[in-house]
Structures are given as C-alpha cells and as structure tokens.
C-alpha atoms as a PDB file:
ATOM      1  CA  MET A   1      32.170  63.966  46.457  1.00  0.00           C
ATOM      2  CA  LEU A   2      28.495  64.523  46.351  1.00  0.00           C
ATOM      3  CA  VAL A   3      26.923  62.340  49.106  1.00  0.00           C
ATOM      4  CA  THR A   4      27.087  59.510  51.826  1.00  0.00           C
ATOM      5  CA  TRP A   5      25.451  56.643  52.438  1.00  0.00           C
ATOM      6  CA  GLY A   6      24.920  56.853  56.082  1.00  0.00           C
ATOM      7  CA  ALA A   7      22.275  57.996  58.446  1.00  0.00           C
ATOM      8  CA  GLN A   8      24.509  60.956  59.322  1.00  0.00           C
ATOM      9  CA  ARG A   9      26.890  62.986  58.019  1.00  0.00           C
ATOM     10  CA  THR A  10      30.574  61.610  58.856  1.00  0.00           C
ATOM     11  CA  LYS A  11      32.965  63.051  60.976  1.00  0.00           C
ATOM     12  CA  ARG A  12      35.577  63.248  57.770  1.00  0.00           C
ATOM     13  CA  TRP A  13      33.355  65.251  55.564  1.00  0.00           C
ATOM     14  CA  PRO A  14      30.834  67.242  57.930  1.00  0.00           C
ATOM     15  CA  THR A  15      29.663  69.492  54.572  1.00  0.00           C
ATOM     16  CA  VAL A  16      28.824  66.249  52.308  1.00  0.00           C
ATOM     17  CA  PRO A  17      24.934  65.654  52.733  1.00  0.00           C
ATOM     18  CA  THR A  18      23.778  62.242  53.191  1.00  0.00           C
ATOM     19  CA  LEU A  19      21.465  60.836  50.388  1.00  0.00           C
ATOM     20  CA  LYS A  20      18.252  61.598  52.632  1.00  0.00           C
ATOM     21  CA  GLU A  21      19.420  64.904  52.953  1.00  0.00           C
ATOM     22  CA  VAL A  22      19.230  65.476  49.123  1.00  0.00           C
ATOM     23  CA  GLY A  23      15.811  63.435  48.821  1.00  0.00           C
ATOM     24  CA  TYR A  24      16.644  59.747  48.909  1.00  0.00           C
ATOM     25  CA  ASN A  25      15.222  57.583  51.445  1.00  0.00           C
ATOM     26  CA  ILE A  26      18.224  55.420  51.537  1.00  0.00           C
ATOM     27  CA  VAL A  27      20.443  54.370  54.248  1.00  0.00           C
ATOM     28  CA  SER A  28      22.932  52.093  53.811  1.00  0.00           C
ATOM     29  CA  VAL A  29      25.245  50.433  56.523  1.00  0.00           C
ATOM     30  CA  SER A  30      28.319  48.079  56.076  1.00  0.00           C
ATOM     31  CA  PRO A  31      26.805  45.340  58.694  1.00  0.00           C
ATOM     32  CA  TYR A  32      28.949  42.106  59.310  1.00  0.00           C
ATOM     33  CA  GLY A  33      27.884  39.058  61.425  1.00  0.00           C
ATOM     34  CA  ILE A  34      29.579  36.167  62.962  1.00  0.00           C
ATOM     35  CA  ALA A  35      27.486  32.415  62.470  1.00  0.00           C
ATOM     36  CA  ASP A  36      28.233  29.316  64.125  1.00  0.00           C
ATOM     37  CA  PRO A  37      26.830  26.360  63.334  1.00  0.00           C
ATOM     38  CA  LYS A  38      23.290  25.279  63.922  1.00  0.00           C
ATOM     39  CA  GLY A  39      22.944  23.532  67.134  1.00  0.00           C
ATOM     40  CA  MET A  40      25.881  24.986  69.081  1.00  0.00           C
ATOM     41  CA  ASP A  41      25.929  24.776  72.567  1.00  0.00           C
ATOM     42  CA  ALA A  42      24.304  27.997  74.141  1.00  0.00           C
ATOM     43  CA  LYS A  43      26.773  28.160  76.368  1.00  0.00           C
ATOM     44  CA  VAL A  44      29.359  28.285  73.811  1.00  0.00           C
ATOM     45  CA  VAL A  45      27.754  30.760  71.997  1.00  0.00           C
ATOM     46  CA  ARG A  46      27.251  33.384  75.400  1.00  0.00           C
ATOM     47  CA  VAL A  47      31.222  33.181  75.423  1.00  0.00           C
ATOM     48  CA  LEU A  48      31.623  33.541  71.984  1.00  0.00           C
ATOM     49  CA  HIS A  49      28.842  36.417  72.256  1.00  0.00           C
ATOM     50  CA  ASP A  50      30.501  38.137  74.976  1.00  0.00           C
ATOM     51  CA  ALA A  51      34.055  37.801  73.945  1.00  0.00           C
ATOM     52  CA  PHE A  52      32.999  39.774  70.422  1.00  0.00           C
ATOM     53  CA  LYS A  53      30.959  42.798  72.245  1.00  0.00           C
ATOM     54  CA  LYS A  54      33.937  43.496  74.799  1.00  0.00           C
ATOM     55  CA  GLY A  55      36.286  43.718  71.486  1.00  0.00           C
ATOM     56  CA  MET A  56      33.963  45.867  69.917  1.00  0.00           C
ATOM     57  CA  GLU A  57      33.733  48.134  72.864  1.00  0.00           C
ATOM     58  CA  GLU A  58      37.512  48.447  72.791  1.00  0.00           C
ATOM     59  CA  PRO A  59      39.125  51.879  72.027  1.00  0.00           C
ATOM     60  CA  ALA A  60      41.266  50.388  69.532  1.00  0.00           C
ATOM     61  CA  PHE A  61      38.513  48.817  67.848  1.00  0.00           C
ATOM     62  CA  GLN A  62      36.357  52.564  67.688  1.00  0.00           C
ATOM     63  CA  LYS A  63      39.409  54.295  66.495  1.00  0.00           C
ATOM     64  CA  ILE A  64      39.412  51.419  63.381  1.00  0.00           C
ATOM     65  CA  LEU A  65      35.777  52.111  62.738  1.00  0.00           C
ATOM     66  CA  GLU A  66      36.167  56.283  62.954  1.00  0.00           C
ATOM     67  CA  ARG A  67      39.104  55.797  60.670  1.00  0.00           C
ATOM     68  CA  LEU A  68      37.048  54.090  57.932  1.00  0.00           C
ATOM     69  CA  ASP A  69      34.153  56.067  58.570  1.00  0.00           C
ATOM     70  CA  GLN A  70      31.709  53.712  59.971  1.00  0.00           C
ATOM     71  CA  GLN A  71      30.995  56.184  62.787  1.00  0.00           C
ATOM     72  CA  GLU A  72      28.464  54.004  64.383  1.00  0.00           C
ATOM     73  CA  ASN A  73      28.899  51.003  66.483  1.00  0.00           C
ATOM     74  CA  PHE A  74      26.054  48.741  64.493  1.00  0.00           C
ATOM     75  CA  TYR A  75      25.976  46.109  67.508  1.00  0.00           C
ATOM     76  CA  MET A  76      23.403  43.807  67.735  1.00  0.00           C
ATOM     77  CA  ASN A  77      22.974  40.524  69.822  1.00  0.00           C
ATOM     78  CA  SER A  78      22.159  37.348  68.165  1.00  0.00           C
ATOM     79  CA  GLU A  79      18.259  37.280  67.722  1.00  0.00           C
ATOM     80  CA  ASP A  80      18.495  40.988  66.760  1.00  0.00           C
ATOM     81  CA  TYR A  81      21.101  40.421  64.221  1.00  0.00           C
ATOM     82  CA  ALA A  82      19.191  37.692  62.760  1.00  0.00           C
ATOM     83  CA  ARG A  83      16.017  39.700  62.860  1.00  0.00           C
ATOM     84  CA  TYR A  84      17.914  42.439  61.153  1.00  0.00           C
ATOM     85  CA  ALA A  85      19.577  40.264  58.362  1.00  0.00           C
ATOM     86  CA  LYS A  86      16.459  38.111  57.645  1.00  0.00           C
ATOM     87  CA  LYS A  87      14.544  41.638  57.031  1.00  0.00           C
ATOM     88  CA  THR A  88      17.409  43.199  54.746  1.00  0.00           C
ATOM     89  CA  PHE A  89      17.124  40.205  52.886  1.00  0.00           C
ATOM     90  CA  ASP A  90      13.646  40.118  52.104  1.00  0.00           C
ATOM     91  CA  GLU A  91      13.651  44.121  51.307  1.00  0.00           C
ATOM     92  CA  GLU A  92      16.573  43.807  48.733  1.00  0.00           C
ATOM     93  CA  ARG A  93      15.173  40.574  47.407  1.00  0.00           C
ATOM     94  CA  LEU A  94      12.092  43.009  46.682  1.00  0.00           C
ATOM     95  CA  TYR A  95      14.352  45.654  45.153  1.00  0.00           C
ATOM     96  CA  VAL A  96      15.986  42.614  42.891  1.00  0.00           C
ATOM     97  CA  GLU A  97      12.595  41.531  41.418  1.00  0.00           C
ATOM     98  CA  ARG A  98      11.552  45.202  40.619  1.00  0.00           C
ATOM     99  CA  MET A  99      14.432  45.839  38.938  1.00  0.00           C
ATOM    100  CA  GLY A 100      14.072  42.447  36.712  1.00  0.00           C
ATOM    101  CA  LEU A 101      17.406  40.841  38.092  1.00  0.00           C
ATOM    102  CA  LYS A 102      15.794  38.221  39.176  1.00  0.00           C
ATOM    103  CA  GLN A 103      17.253  34.621  37.444  1.00  0.00           C
END
C-alpha cells in the first residue's frame, strides 16, 4: 500500500503515509447521511436524529468503524451535514469541470 486517503494514518497500517504527507492536499472520507422528506415534522426529525446519534455512539458500531478503517466517527447534526454536503458538492463540481468531464 502506498498511501491512505484519511486525515490521519490508520491504526491498521500505521507506517503507511497519508496523501497529505506525501504532498497531495487531499483528504477523502466516506460520509453517509440520512435524509427525510421535505416538511417532515420537526419532532419526528428530532426523535430519529437522537436515535441515530445514540446508535453511532454504541461500542458495537465503533468496532465496525474500526474494522472498516473508518477510525473517525464523522457525526454531524442535520444543519452541519447539509452545509458539509453542499460545500463538498460545490468543490467536487469544480474538479469535474476543471477536468473537462462536465456534460
């Protein structure tokens, strides 16, 4: 293995450098989110949010993240995730355009 893509070296391969360490200013994570229909009752959103957050804090979930080399729990609340997703989409759209891949 030549490099890893995370912000830090992984526990499984501690001697393998990150892309940033070898001179490429790239960090790539594998986020996932859960969306609700527009206009969903805020109380329902809160119940679901709290349940998913609690589940992500469970030791069994943490063990799965570690097994998949996703050492950071990349949790964000709804508003922060929406901002993150928009920012990421905008940045990646620029990369696609720069590479001439836009259709």
